[in-house]
């Protein structure tokens, strides 16, 4: 019998699949923790447009819904400026 998907995708017990434990918008810290990427790196990727984001008041959030949709539609590369705000 195969292991459940959630157990297969954990890295050191600190990572959860994007579709399982994160809503469509989340804080940079939550995204960093869930993905196993250092917070400073996520901040840089949001600021340079590598990751999709949305701003609410003074809070910059990672747009996980957009990221998930792009991954499911076949997007394989994420480059600086892909999600730059105009």
C-alpha atoms as a PDB file:
ATOM      1  CA  UNK A   1       0.000   0.000   0.000  1.00  0.00           C
ATOM      2  CA  UNK A   2       1.320   3.465  -0.831  1.00  0.00           C
ATOM      3  CA  UNK A   3       1.756   6.167   1.742  1.00  0.00           C
ATOM      4  CA  UNK A   4      -0.671   9.119   1.788  1.00  0.00           C
ATOM      5  CA  UNK A   5       0.420  12.044  -0.365  1.00  0.00           C
ATOM      6  CA  UNK A   6       0.759  14.352   2.630  1.00  0.00           C
ATOM      7  CA  UNK A   7       3.427  12.083   4.135  1.00  0.00           C
ATOM      8  CA  UNK A   8       5.344  11.798   0.857  1.00  0.00           C
ATOM      9  CA  UNK A   9       5.699  15.528   0.353  1.00  0.00           C
ATOM     10  CA  UNK A  10       6.947  16.466   3.819  1.00  0.00           C
ATOM     11  CA  UNK A  11      10.564  17.506   4.082  1.00  0.00           C
ATOM     12  CA  UNK A  12      11.835  17.212   7.610  1.00  0.00           C
ATOM     13  CA  UNK A  13       8.254  17.473   8.840  1.00  0.00           C
ATOM     14  CA  UNK A  14       8.124  21.218   8.129  1.00  0.00           C
ATOM     15  CA  UNK A  15       6.605  21.334   4.640  1.00  0.00           C
ATOM     16  CA  UNK A  16       2.985  20.868   3.590  1.00  0.00           C
ATOM     17  CA  UNK A  17       1.598  20.577   0.053  1.00  0.00           C
ATOM     18  CA  UNK A  18       0.407  23.909  -1.330  1.00  0.00           C
ATOM     19  CA  UNK A  19      -3.093  22.566  -1.875  1.00  0.00           C
ATOM     20  CA  UNK A  20      -3.553  21.072   1.569  1.00  0.00           C
ATOM     21  CA  UNK A  21      -2.690  23.496   4.324  1.00  0.00           C
ATOM     22  CA  UNK A  22      -2.640  26.939   2.770  1.00  0.00           C
ATOM     23  CA  UNK A  23      -5.563  29.101   1.674  1.00  0.00           C
ATOM     24  CA  UNK A  24      -5.537  31.223  -1.506  1.00  0.00           C
ATOM     25  CA  UNK A  25      -3.739  34.088   0.229  1.00  0.00           C
ATOM     26  CA  UNK A  26      -1.246  33.745   3.039  1.00  0.00           C
ATOM     27  CA  UNK A  27       1.386  35.777   4.769  1.00  0.00           C
ATOM     28  CA  UNK A  28       4.962  35.627   3.609  1.00  0.00           C
ATOM     29  CA  UNK A  29       5.968  33.952   6.885  1.00  0.00           C
ATOM     30  CA  UNK A  30       3.249  31.296   6.553  1.00  0.00           C
ATOM     31  CA  UNK A  31       4.221  30.578   2.944  1.00  0.00           C
ATOM     32  CA  UNK A  32       7.906  30.388   3.856  1.00  0.00           C
ATOM     33  CA  UNK A  33       7.223  28.007   6.725  1.00  0.00           C
ATOM     34  CA  UNK A  34       4.896  25.798   4.688  1.00  0.00           C
ATOM     35  CA  UNK A  35       7.197  25.621   1.677  1.00  0.00           C
ATOM     36  CA  UNK A  36      10.491  25.311   3.528  1.00  0.00           C
ATOM     37  CA  UNK A  37      11.918  28.401   1.827  1.00  0.00           C
ATOM     38  CA  UNK A  38      13.710  30.929   4.063  1.00  0.00           C
ATOM     39  CA  UNK A  39      11.513  33.947   4.840  1.00  0.00           C
ATOM     40  CA  UNK A  40      14.065  36.402   3.448  1.00  0.00           C
ATOM     41  CA  UNK A  41      14.058  34.513   0.127  1.00  0.00           C
ATOM     42  CA  UNK A  42      10.247  34.603  -0.060  1.00  0.00           C
ATOM     43  CA  UNK A  43      10.285  38.348   0.668  1.00  0.00           C
ATOM     44  CA  UNK A  44      12.746  38.851  -2.194  1.00  0.00           C
ATOM     45  CA  UNK A  45      10.714  36.654  -4.579  1.00  0.00           C
ATOM     46  CA  UNK A  46       7.523  38.579  -3.798  1.00  0.00           C
ATOM     47  CA  UNK A  47       9.223  41.969  -4.142  1.00  0.00           C
ATOM     48  CA  UNK A  48      10.875  41.116  -7.474  1.00  0.00           C
ATOM     49  CA  UNK A  49       7.743  39.506  -8.926  1.00  0.00           C
ATOM     50  CA  UNK A  50       8.916  35.891  -8.971  1.00  0.00           C
ATOM     51  CA  UNK A  51       5.941  34.873  -6.802  1.00  0.00           C
ATOM     52  CA  UNK A  52       2.400  36.233  -7.227  1.00  0.00           C
ATOM     53  CA  UNK A  53       1.244  38.531  -4.463  1.00  0.00           C
ATOM     54  CA  UNK A  54      -1.549  40.790  -3.328  1.00  0.00           C
ATOM     55  CA  UNK A  55      -1.433  43.792  -1.021  1.00  0.00           C
ATOM     56  CA  UNK A  56      -4.066  44.417   1.639  1.00  0.00           C
ATOM     57  CA  UNK A  57      -3.616  47.648   3.559  1.00  0.00           C
ATOM     58  CA  UNK A  58       0.020  47.421   4.663  1.00  0.00           C
ATOM     59  CA  UNK A  59       0.277  43.640   4.310  1.00  0.00           C
ATOM     60  CA  UNK A  60       1.890  41.930   1.326  1.00  0.00           C
ATOM     61  CA  UNK A  61       0.503  38.410   0.915  1.00  0.00           C
ATOM     62  CA  UNK A  62       1.555  35.507  -1.305  1.00  0.00           C
ATOM     63  CA  UNK A  63      -1.208  34.723  -3.795  1.00  0.00           C
ATOM     64  CA  UNK A  64      -1.139  30.934  -3.415  1.00  0.00           C
ATOM     65  CA  UNK A  65      -4.354  30.600  -5.434  1.00  0.00           C
ATOM     66  CA  UNK A  66      -2.675  32.147  -8.482  1.00  0.00           C
ATOM     67  CA  UNK A  67       0.500  30.139  -7.918  1.00  0.00           C
ATOM     68  CA  UNK A  68      -1.505  26.903  -7.604  1.00  0.00           C
ATOM     69  CA  UNK A  69      -3.543  27.693 -10.751  1.00  0.00           C
ATOM     70  CA  UNK A  70      -0.396  28.432 -12.753  1.00  0.00           C
ATOM     71  CA  UNK A  71       1.275  25.217 -11.580  1.00  0.00           C
ATOM     72  CA  UNK A  72      -1.818  23.174 -12.462  1.00  0.00           C
ATOM     73  CA  UNK A  73      -1.935  24.774 -15.924  1.00  0.00           C
ATOM     74  CA  UNK A  74       1.638  23.651 -16.598  1.00  0.00           C
ATOM     75  CA  UNK A  75       3.821  26.603 -15.582  1.00  0.00           C
ATOM     76  CA  UNK A  76       7.258  25.183 -14.801  1.00  0.00           C
ATOM     77  CA  UNK A  77       9.506  28.225 -14.568  1.00  0.00           C
ATOM     78  CA  UNK A  78       9.144  31.197 -12.273  1.00  0.00           C
ATOM     79  CA  UNK A  79      11.336  34.127 -13.204  1.00  0.00           C
ATOM     80  CA  UNK A  80      11.899  37.550 -11.737  1.00  0.00           C
ATOM     81  CA  UNK A  81       9.213  39.878 -13.065  1.00  0.00           C
ATOM     82  CA  UNK A  82       6.647  37.174 -13.927  1.00  0.00           C
ATOM     83  CA  UNK A  83       4.253  38.684 -11.396  1.00  0.00           C
ATOM     84  CA  UNK A  84       5.421  42.294 -11.276  1.00  0.00           C
ATOM     85  CA  UNK A  85       2.753  44.790 -10.326  1.00  0.00           C
ATOM     86  CA  UNK A  86       2.180  47.674 -12.679  1.00  0.00           C
END
